[in-house]
N, C-alpha and C. Protein backbone atom coordinates (compact mmCIF):
# COMPACT_ATOMS: atom_id res chain seq x y z
N MET A 1 67.50 -27.56 -102.85
CA MET A 1 67.78 -26.59 -102.01
C MET A 1 69.08 -26.67 -101.43
N ASP A 2 69.78 -25.80 -101.54
CA ASP A 2 71.02 -25.79 -101.02
C ASP A 2 71.14 -24.98 -99.90
N ILE A 3 72.05 -25.32 -99.03
CA ILE A 3 72.24 -24.56 -97.82
C ILE A 3 73.24 -23.59 -98.12
N GLN A 4 72.94 -22.36 -98.03
CA GLN A 4 73.81 -21.26 -98.42
C GLN A 4 74.27 -20.60 -97.25
N LEU A 5 75.64 -20.33 -96.99
CA LEU A 5 76.13 -19.83 -95.81
C LEU A 5 75.82 -18.30 -95.74
N PRO A 6 75.90 -17.55 -96.75
CA PRO A 6 75.39 -16.07 -96.65
C PRO A 6 74.01 -16.06 -96.03
N GLN A 7 73.11 -16.80 -96.62
CA GLN A 7 71.69 -16.66 -96.20
C GLN A 7 71.61 -17.06 -94.76
N ILE A 8 72.32 -18.07 -94.15
CA ILE A 8 72.18 -18.50 -92.74
C ILE A 8 72.83 -17.26 -91.89
N ILE A 9 73.78 -16.74 -92.49
CA ILE A 9 74.50 -15.68 -91.61
C ILE A 9 73.42 -14.36 -91.52
N PHE A 10 72.76 -14.11 -92.69
CA PHE A 10 71.75 -13.10 -92.75
C PHE A 10 70.62 -13.48 -91.86
N GLN A 11 70.21 -14.67 -91.86
CA GLN A 11 69.00 -15.14 -90.93
C GLN A 11 69.52 -15.02 -89.44
N VAL A 12 70.74 -15.36 -89.08
CA VAL A 12 71.23 -15.22 -87.72
C VAL A 12 71.30 -13.94 -87.52
N ILE A 13 71.74 -12.90 -88.23
CA ILE A 13 71.80 -11.35 -87.95
C ILE A 13 70.39 -10.84 -87.80
N ASN A 14 69.48 -11.33 -88.78
CA ASN A 14 68.23 -10.85 -88.73
C ASN A 14 67.59 -11.29 -87.42
N PHE A 15 67.81 -12.50 -87.17
CA PHE A 15 67.15 -12.96 -85.78
C PHE A 15 67.70 -12.22 -84.60
N GLY A 16 69.06 -12.01 -84.66
CA GLY A 16 69.54 -11.15 -83.60
C GLY A 16 69.17 -9.76 -83.34
N VAL A 17 68.91 -9.16 -84.65
CA VAL A 17 68.28 -7.83 -84.58
C VAL A 17 66.87 -7.75 -83.97
N VAL A 18 66.19 -8.71 -84.47
CA VAL A 18 64.72 -8.84 -84.11
C VAL A 18 64.78 -9.09 -82.56
N MET A 19 65.56 -9.93 -82.21
CA MET A 19 65.66 -10.48 -80.79
C MET A 19 66.14 -9.14 -80.01
N GLY A 20 66.98 -8.43 -80.37
CA GLY A 20 67.60 -7.33 -79.62
C GLY A 20 66.45 -6.24 -79.42
N ALA A 21 65.69 -6.01 -80.67
CA ALA A 21 64.76 -5.02 -80.78
C ALA A 21 63.66 -5.30 -79.74
N LEU A 22 63.21 -6.64 -79.77
CA LEU A 22 62.13 -7.14 -78.92
C LEU A 22 62.49 -7.04 -77.44
N THR A 23 63.73 -7.25 -77.25
CA THR A 23 64.17 -7.32 -75.85
C THR A 23 64.27 -5.79 -75.40
N TYR A 24 64.71 -4.92 -76.26
CA TYR A 24 64.87 -3.46 -75.84
C TYR A 24 63.52 -2.93 -75.77
N LEU A 25 62.57 -3.11 -76.72
CA LEU A 25 61.36 -2.33 -76.82
C LEU A 25 60.35 -3.11 -76.02
N LEU A 26 60.35 -4.39 -75.76
CA LEU A 26 59.16 -4.97 -75.10
C LEU A 26 59.61 -5.69 -73.84
N TYR A 27 60.58 -6.49 -73.82
CA TYR A 27 61.05 -7.33 -72.59
C TYR A 27 61.41 -6.43 -71.53
N LYS A 28 62.35 -5.41 -71.68
CA LYS A 28 62.88 -4.61 -70.48
C LYS A 28 61.60 -3.71 -69.91
N PRO A 29 60.79 -3.13 -70.80
CA PRO A 29 59.78 -2.30 -70.10
C PRO A 29 58.70 -3.12 -69.30
N ILE A 30 58.40 -4.33 -69.94
CA ILE A 30 57.43 -5.21 -69.30
C ILE A 30 58.28 -5.68 -68.04
N GLN A 31 59.46 -6.10 -68.08
CA GLN A 31 60.16 -6.57 -66.87
C GLN A 31 60.17 -5.43 -65.82
N LYS A 32 60.30 -4.28 -66.27
CA LYS A 32 60.35 -2.99 -65.32
C LYS A 32 59.01 -2.91 -64.66
N LEU A 33 57.96 -2.98 -65.49
CA LEU A 33 56.60 -2.93 -65.01
C LEU A 33 56.21 -4.02 -63.94
N MET A 34 56.68 -5.15 -64.26
CA MET A 34 56.60 -6.40 -63.38
C MET A 34 57.31 -6.17 -62.10
N ASP A 35 58.53 -5.69 -62.24
CA ASP A 35 59.38 -5.40 -60.89
C ASP A 35 58.73 -4.33 -60.07
N GLU A 36 58.10 -3.38 -60.73
CA GLU A 36 57.46 -2.22 -59.88
C GLU A 36 56.25 -2.86 -59.17
N ARG A 37 55.50 -3.65 -60.02
CA ARG A 37 54.38 -4.37 -59.46
C ARG A 37 54.55 -5.20 -58.28
N ALA A 38 55.62 -6.03 -58.41
CA ALA A 38 56.16 -6.82 -57.39
C ALA A 38 56.58 -6.09 -56.35
N SER A 39 57.24 -5.01 -56.46
CA SER A 39 57.77 -4.10 -55.28
C SER A 39 56.37 -3.49 -54.54
N ARG A 40 55.46 -3.18 -55.28
CA ARG A 40 54.35 -2.55 -54.73
C ARG A 40 53.46 -3.60 -53.90
N ILE A 41 53.45 -4.84 -54.55
CA ILE A 41 52.84 -5.84 -53.88
C ILE A 41 53.48 -6.19 -52.44
N VAL A 42 54.86 -6.20 -52.52
CA VAL A 42 55.55 -6.49 -51.41
C VAL A 42 55.42 -5.32 -50.42
N GLU A 43 55.40 -4.04 -50.89
CA GLU A 43 55.04 -3.04 -49.88
C GLU A 43 53.64 -2.99 -49.28
N GLY A 44 52.62 -3.46 -50.15
CA GLY A 44 51.31 -3.54 -49.72
C GLY A 44 51.19 -4.71 -48.67
N GLN A 45 51.96 -5.89 -48.84
CA GLN A 45 51.96 -6.86 -47.99
C GLN A 45 52.54 -6.60 -46.66
N SER A 46 53.75 -5.80 -46.72
CA SER A 46 54.22 -5.28 -45.62
C SER A 46 53.44 -4.26 -44.77
N ALA A 47 52.64 -3.28 -45.58
CA ALA A 47 51.80 -2.49 -44.88
C ALA A 47 50.61 -3.23 -44.42
N ALA A 48 50.16 -4.14 -45.01
CA ALA A 48 49.05 -5.12 -44.45
C ALA A 48 49.48 -5.76 -43.03
N GLU A 49 50.66 -6.29 -43.16
CA GLU A 49 51.24 -6.95 -41.86
C GLU A 49 51.39 -5.84 -40.70
N ALA A 50 51.88 -4.68 -41.23
CA ALA A 50 52.04 -3.75 -40.22
C ALA A 50 50.64 -3.23 -39.59
N ALA A 51 49.60 -3.18 -40.53
CA ALA A 51 48.33 -2.82 -40.18
C ALA A 51 47.85 -3.88 -39.26
N LEU A 52 47.95 -5.16 -39.58
CA LEU A 52 47.48 -6.24 -38.68
C LEU A 52 48.23 -6.22 -37.22
N ALA A 53 49.53 -5.89 -37.31
CA ALA A 53 50.17 -5.80 -36.04
C ALA A 53 49.68 -4.81 -35.19
N GLN A 54 49.32 -3.60 -35.95
CA GLN A 54 48.83 -2.40 -35.21
C GLN A 54 47.33 -2.72 -34.73
N LYS A 55 46.59 -3.45 -35.45
CA LYS A 55 45.13 -3.83 -35.03
C LYS A 55 45.41 -4.79 -33.85
N ALA A 56 46.39 -5.73 -33.89
CA ALA A 56 46.61 -6.59 -32.71
C ALA A 56 46.99 -5.79 -31.52
N ASN A 57 47.86 -4.80 -31.63
CA ASN A 57 48.25 -4.09 -30.57
C ASN A 57 46.97 -3.12 -29.96
N LEU A 58 46.24 -2.51 -30.90
CA LEU A 58 45.09 -1.78 -30.56
C LEU A 58 44.05 -2.76 -29.88
N ASP A 59 43.88 -3.94 -30.33
CA ASP A 59 43.00 -4.94 -29.69
C ASP A 59 43.45 -5.16 -28.33
N GLU A 60 44.60 -5.51 -28.18
CA GLU A 60 45.29 -5.67 -26.73
C GLU A 60 45.01 -4.51 -25.88
N SER A 61 45.39 -3.33 -26.46
CA SER A 61 45.12 -2.19 -25.57
C SER A 61 43.80 -2.04 -25.30
N LYS A 62 42.80 -2.38 -26.18
CA LYS A 62 41.42 -2.18 -25.76
C LYS A 62 41.00 -3.16 -24.79
N ARG A 63 41.58 -4.43 -24.92
CA ARG A 63 41.22 -5.49 -23.80
C ARG A 63 41.74 -4.91 -22.48
N LYS A 64 43.02 -4.44 -22.52
CA LYS A 64 43.62 -3.86 -21.17
C LYS A 64 42.80 -2.76 -20.61
N ILE A 65 42.40 -1.87 -21.45
CA ILE A 65 41.50 -0.80 -20.98
C ILE A 65 40.26 -1.20 -20.46
N GLU A 66 39.65 -2.11 -21.16
CA GLU A 66 38.43 -2.81 -20.66
C GLU A 66 38.51 -3.53 -19.35
N ARG A 67 39.62 -4.20 -19.15
CA ARG A 67 39.88 -4.76 -17.84
C ARG A 67 40.12 -3.90 -16.75
N GLU A 68 40.85 -2.79 -17.01
CA GLU A 68 41.05 -1.70 -16.14
C GLU A 68 39.68 -1.06 -15.71
N ALA A 69 38.87 -0.86 -16.75
CA ALA A 69 37.51 -0.24 -16.46
C ALA A 69 36.78 -1.09 -15.70
N GLU A 70 36.69 -2.39 -16.03
CA GLU A 70 36.05 -3.31 -15.18
C GLU A 70 36.53 -3.34 -13.59
N LYS A 71 37.79 -3.34 -13.54
CA LYS A 71 38.26 -3.39 -12.15
C LYS A 71 37.94 -2.03 -11.49
N LYS A 72 37.98 -0.84 -12.02
CA LYS A 72 37.51 0.43 -11.53
C LYS A 72 36.08 0.42 -11.33
N ALA A 73 35.29 -0.25 -12.11
CA ALA A 73 33.89 -0.35 -11.81
C ALA A 73 33.49 -1.12 -10.56
N ALA A 74 34.29 -2.38 -10.69
CA ALA A 74 33.99 -3.18 -9.43
C ALA A 74 34.43 -2.36 -8.19
N ILE A 75 35.63 -1.77 -8.20
CA ILE A 75 35.95 -0.93 -6.95
C ILE A 75 34.85 0.06 -6.66
N LEU A 76 34.34 0.76 -7.62
CA LEU A 76 33.30 1.85 -7.37
C LEU A 76 32.03 1.22 -6.86
N ILE A 77 31.70 -0.02 -7.46
CA ILE A 77 30.56 -0.64 -6.87
C ILE A 77 30.60 -1.07 -5.44
N GLU A 78 31.94 -1.54 -5.11
CA GLU A 78 32.25 -2.05 -3.83
C GLU A 78 32.16 -0.80 -2.83
N GLU A 79 32.63 0.23 -3.16
CA GLU A 79 32.76 1.51 -2.44
C GLU A 79 31.35 2.06 -2.26
N ALA A 80 30.53 1.95 -3.29
CA ALA A 80 29.07 2.47 -3.17
C ALA A 80 28.45 1.54 -2.19
N ALA A 81 28.53 0.29 -2.24
CA ALA A 81 27.92 -0.72 -1.44
C ALA A 81 28.40 -0.38 -0.04
N LYS A 82 29.58 -0.22 0.37
CA LYS A 82 30.05 0.16 1.61
C LYS A 82 29.41 1.44 2.13
N LYS A 83 29.45 2.38 1.16
CA LYS A 83 28.82 3.79 1.57
C LYS A 83 27.33 3.71 1.86
N ALA A 84 26.69 2.96 1.03
CA ALA A 84 25.26 2.51 1.29
C ALA A 84 25.01 1.76 2.68
N THR A 85 25.89 0.92 2.91
CA THR A 85 25.77 0.17 4.23
C THR A 85 25.95 1.17 5.34
N GLU A 86 26.97 2.05 5.26
CA GLU A 86 27.37 2.87 6.32
C GLU A 86 26.12 3.89 6.57
N ILE A 87 25.54 4.36 5.45
CA ILE A 87 24.45 5.28 5.45
C ILE A 87 23.07 4.63 6.09
N LYS A 88 23.02 3.37 5.78
CA LYS A 88 21.88 2.61 6.22
C LYS A 88 22.13 2.35 7.76
N ARG A 89 23.25 2.13 8.02
CA ARG A 89 23.66 1.81 9.51
C ARG A 89 23.32 3.29 10.20
N GLU A 90 23.82 4.33 9.74
CA GLU A 90 23.62 5.61 10.31
C GLU A 90 22.10 5.97 10.46
N ALA A 91 21.52 5.73 9.39
CA ALA A 91 19.89 5.94 9.40
C ALA A 91 19.44 4.95 10.51
N VAL A 92 19.71 3.79 10.68
CA VAL A 92 19.04 2.85 11.56
C VAL A 92 19.43 3.36 12.95
N GLU A 93 20.64 3.79 13.16
CA GLU A 93 21.11 4.33 14.47
C GLU A 93 20.33 5.60 14.81
N LYS A 94 20.19 6.43 13.87
CA LYS A 94 19.46 7.78 14.07
C LYS A 94 18.05 7.50 14.47
N ALA A 95 17.42 6.47 13.77
CA ALA A 95 16.07 6.18 13.92
C ALA A 95 15.88 5.39 15.34
N ARG A 96 16.80 4.66 15.76
CA ARG A 96 16.88 4.07 17.09
C ARG A 96 16.90 5.10 18.10
N VAL A 97 17.89 6.00 17.85
CA VAL A 97 17.99 7.11 18.99
C VAL A 97 16.71 8.14 18.99
N GLU A 98 16.10 8.37 17.75
CA GLU A 98 14.93 9.15 17.87
C GLU A 98 13.87 8.33 18.56
N SER A 99 13.65 7.11 18.19
CA SER A 99 12.56 6.34 18.64
C SER A 99 12.80 6.19 20.42
N GLN A 100 13.94 6.06 20.81
CA GLN A 100 14.24 6.11 22.30
C GLN A 100 13.92 7.28 22.91
N ALA A 101 14.26 8.53 22.20
CA ALA A 101 14.14 9.85 22.61
C ALA A 101 12.40 10.10 22.78
N GLU A 102 11.82 9.66 21.70
CA GLU A 102 10.29 9.71 21.62
C GLU A 102 9.64 8.76 22.63
N THR A 103 10.23 7.71 22.79
CA THR A 103 9.66 6.62 23.91
C THR A 103 9.74 7.29 25.17
N SER A 104 11.00 7.83 25.37
CA SER A 104 11.35 8.44 26.89
C SER A 104 10.40 9.68 26.94
N LYS A 105 10.18 10.49 25.95
CA LYS A 105 9.25 11.64 26.03
C LYS A 105 7.80 11.23 26.40
N LEU A 106 7.23 10.17 25.63
CA LEU A 106 5.99 9.74 25.95
C LEU A 106 5.85 9.15 27.28
N LYS A 107 6.92 8.43 27.76
CA LYS A 107 6.85 7.92 29.12
C LYS A 107 6.80 9.01 30.19
N ASP A 108 7.51 10.11 29.90
CA ASP A 108 7.52 11.23 30.83
C ASP A 108 6.27 11.86 30.85
N GLN A 109 5.59 12.16 29.67
CA GLN A 109 4.16 12.62 29.58
C GLN A 109 3.29 11.81 30.27
N TRP A 110 3.41 10.56 30.04
CA TRP A 110 2.50 9.62 30.67
C TRP A 110 2.63 9.61 32.19
N GLN A 111 3.88 9.63 32.68
CA GLN A 111 4.01 9.78 34.10
C GLN A 111 3.46 11.27 34.72
N ILE A 112 3.69 12.24 34.00
CA ILE A 112 3.02 13.61 34.37
C ILE A 112 1.57 13.41 34.46
N GLU A 113 0.97 12.92 33.26
CA GLU A 113 -0.34 12.71 33.26
C GLU A 113 -1.05 11.80 34.26
N LYS A 114 -0.36 10.76 34.58
CA LYS A 114 -0.68 9.75 35.64
C LYS A 114 -0.70 10.56 37.00
N HIS A 115 0.36 11.20 37.24
CA HIS A 115 0.55 11.95 38.46
C HIS A 115 -0.65 13.03 38.68
N GLN A 116 -0.95 13.75 37.51
CA GLN A 116 -1.96 14.81 37.50
C GLN A 116 -3.29 14.11 37.81
N LEU A 117 -3.55 12.97 37.04
CA LEU A 117 -4.82 12.21 37.18
C LEU A 117 -4.91 11.86 38.65
N THR A 118 -3.87 11.36 39.23
CA THR A 118 -3.96 10.78 40.63
C THR A 118 -4.31 11.95 41.63
N GLN A 119 -3.60 13.13 41.26
CA GLN A 119 -3.83 14.20 42.15
C GLN A 119 -5.27 14.67 42.07
N ASP A 120 -5.69 14.71 40.78
CA ASP A 120 -7.16 15.18 40.60
C ASP A 120 -8.15 14.21 41.35
N MET A 121 -7.80 12.86 41.06
CA MET A 121 -8.83 11.81 41.64
C MET A 121 -8.66 11.85 43.20
N ARG A 122 -7.40 12.29 43.74
CA ARG A 122 -7.47 12.34 45.28
C ARG A 122 -8.11 13.66 45.76
N GLN A 123 -7.96 14.61 44.93
CA GLN A 123 -8.84 15.87 45.39
C GLN A 123 -10.34 15.70 45.23
N GLU A 124 -10.85 14.98 44.19
CA GLU A 124 -12.09 14.65 44.14
C GLU A 124 -12.72 13.68 45.22
N MET A 125 -11.93 12.80 45.55
CA MET A 125 -12.06 11.80 46.68
C MET A 125 -12.25 12.51 47.92
N ILE A 126 -11.24 13.48 48.28
CA ILE A 126 -11.31 14.25 49.48
C ILE A 126 -12.54 15.08 49.51
N ARG A 127 -12.86 15.68 48.36
CA ARG A 127 -14.18 16.64 48.43
C ARG A 127 -15.38 15.56 48.62
N ALA A 128 -15.38 14.38 48.03
CA ALA A 128 -16.59 13.58 48.16
C ALA A 128 -16.71 12.91 49.53
N VAL A 129 -15.51 12.63 50.10
CA VAL A 129 -15.61 12.16 51.58
C VAL A 129 -16.03 13.34 52.47
N MET A 130 -15.45 14.54 52.11
CA MET A 130 -15.92 15.78 52.99
C MET A 130 -17.35 15.98 52.88
N THR A 131 -17.90 15.80 51.71
CA THR A 131 -19.30 16.08 51.47
C THR A 131 -20.15 14.98 51.98
N VAL A 132 -19.84 13.76 51.92
CA VAL A 132 -20.48 12.63 52.53
C VAL A 132 -20.33 12.71 54.18
N THR A 133 -19.24 13.12 54.63
CA THR A 133 -19.07 13.24 56.11
C THR A 133 -19.95 14.29 56.63
N GLN A 134 -19.97 15.60 55.76
CA GLN A 134 -20.75 16.65 56.46
C GLN A 134 -22.18 16.21 56.18
N LYS A 135 -22.72 15.51 55.26
CA LYS A 135 -24.14 15.09 55.26
C LYS A 135 -24.41 14.19 56.34
N VAL A 136 -23.48 13.15 56.66
CA VAL A 136 -23.73 12.21 57.63
C VAL A 136 -23.81 12.85 58.97
N ILE A 137 -22.74 13.65 59.26
CA ILE A 137 -22.60 14.39 60.59
C ILE A 137 -23.54 15.45 60.64
N GLY A 138 -23.66 16.17 59.60
CA GLY A 138 -24.59 17.39 59.59
C GLY A 138 -23.66 18.61 59.99
N VAL A 139 -22.32 18.48 60.35
CA VAL A 139 -21.66 19.72 60.64
C VAL A 139 -20.48 19.84 59.67
N LYS A 140 -20.14 20.93 59.28
CA LYS A 140 -18.99 20.96 58.43
C LYS A 140 -17.68 21.16 59.28
N LEU A 141 -16.81 20.40 58.94
CA LEU A 141 -15.54 20.38 59.72
C LEU A 141 -14.45 21.37 59.14
N ASP A 142 -13.25 21.46 59.83
CA ASP A 142 -12.24 22.32 59.30
C ASP A 142 -11.62 21.50 58.01
N GLU A 143 -11.48 22.29 56.80
CA GLU A 143 -11.15 21.78 55.64
C GLU A 143 -9.80 21.28 55.63
N LYS A 144 -8.81 21.87 56.16
CA LYS A 144 -7.41 21.64 56.17
C LYS A 144 -7.14 20.32 56.97
N THR A 145 -7.82 20.32 58.09
CA THR A 145 -7.61 19.13 59.03
C THR A 145 -8.14 17.90 58.31
N ASP A 146 -9.43 17.97 57.80
CA ASP A 146 -10.06 16.88 57.05
C ASP A 146 -9.35 16.45 55.87
N ALA A 147 -8.82 17.37 55.13
CA ALA A 147 -8.06 17.06 53.94
C ALA A 147 -6.80 16.37 54.21
N LYS A 148 -6.14 16.72 55.35
CA LYS A 148 -4.80 16.13 55.66
C LYS A 148 -5.11 14.65 56.18
N LEU A 149 -6.13 14.42 56.91
CA LEU A 149 -6.55 13.10 57.44
C LEU A 149 -7.00 12.11 56.19
N ILE A 150 -7.76 12.64 55.40
CA ILE A 150 -8.24 11.97 54.27
C ILE A 150 -6.96 11.66 53.20
N GLY A 151 -6.23 12.60 53.07
CA GLY A 151 -4.96 12.41 52.32
C GLY A 151 -4.06 11.31 52.69
N ASP A 152 -3.84 11.27 54.15
CA ASP A 152 -3.04 10.32 54.70
C ASP A 152 -3.74 8.98 54.44
N GLU A 153 -5.01 8.79 54.61
CA GLU A 153 -5.60 7.52 54.52
C GLU A 153 -5.59 7.10 52.98
N LEU A 154 -5.64 7.94 52.16
CA LEU A 154 -5.68 7.57 50.72
C LEU A 154 -4.31 7.15 50.40
N SER A 155 -3.36 7.76 51.03
CA SER A 155 -1.85 7.46 50.57
C SER A 155 -1.63 5.95 51.07
N LYS A 156 -2.21 5.71 52.35
CA LYS A 156 -1.97 4.37 52.89
C LYS A 156 -2.63 3.33 51.96
N LEU A 157 -3.90 3.71 51.52
CA LEU A 157 -4.60 2.80 50.58
C LEU A 157 -3.84 2.56 49.22
N MET A 158 -3.42 3.48 48.85
CA MET A 158 -2.83 3.50 47.29
C MET A 158 -1.52 2.62 47.46
N LYS A 159 -0.80 2.62 48.47
CA LYS A 159 0.53 1.92 48.60
C LYS A 159 0.07 0.42 48.76
C-alpha cells in the first residue's frame, strides 16, 4: 500500500465537505436552539428572582399592614375600655344619685308618716283622757280648754 497524494487530498477535501455540511446542517441549528434555550433559562431565572423579590416585598407589606392593624386594634380596644370605664362610672354615679334621691324621698315620707301618726296618737290620747276625766268627774268640760291643757302636757312628756 502506497501512500498516494491525490487520494489524501481527495480524503481531506471529502472530510472538509462533510465537516462543512455537518456544521451548516447540524451544528449551527443545534447551537442556535441551545442559545435560545439558554436565553429562556436566563429569562426564567430572572423572572423567578423578580417574582421572589416581589413576594418578599409583598410579605414585608403584609407584615407592615398586620402590625398597623394590630396597633389600630390595640388603640380601639384601649378606647373601648376607656369608654366602658366612663359609662360604668356614669352609671354608678347615676345609680348613687338615684339612690340618694330615693333615700331622701323615703325619709321625707317616713317623717310625714311619723308626724301624722304622732298627731293621730295625740288626738287619741286627748280623747281618751277626756273620756276618762268625764267618767271620773262625771261632768263634761269644755273641749277646747281640755284639749289645750292635755296637748301641752303631752308635749312636755314627749320632749
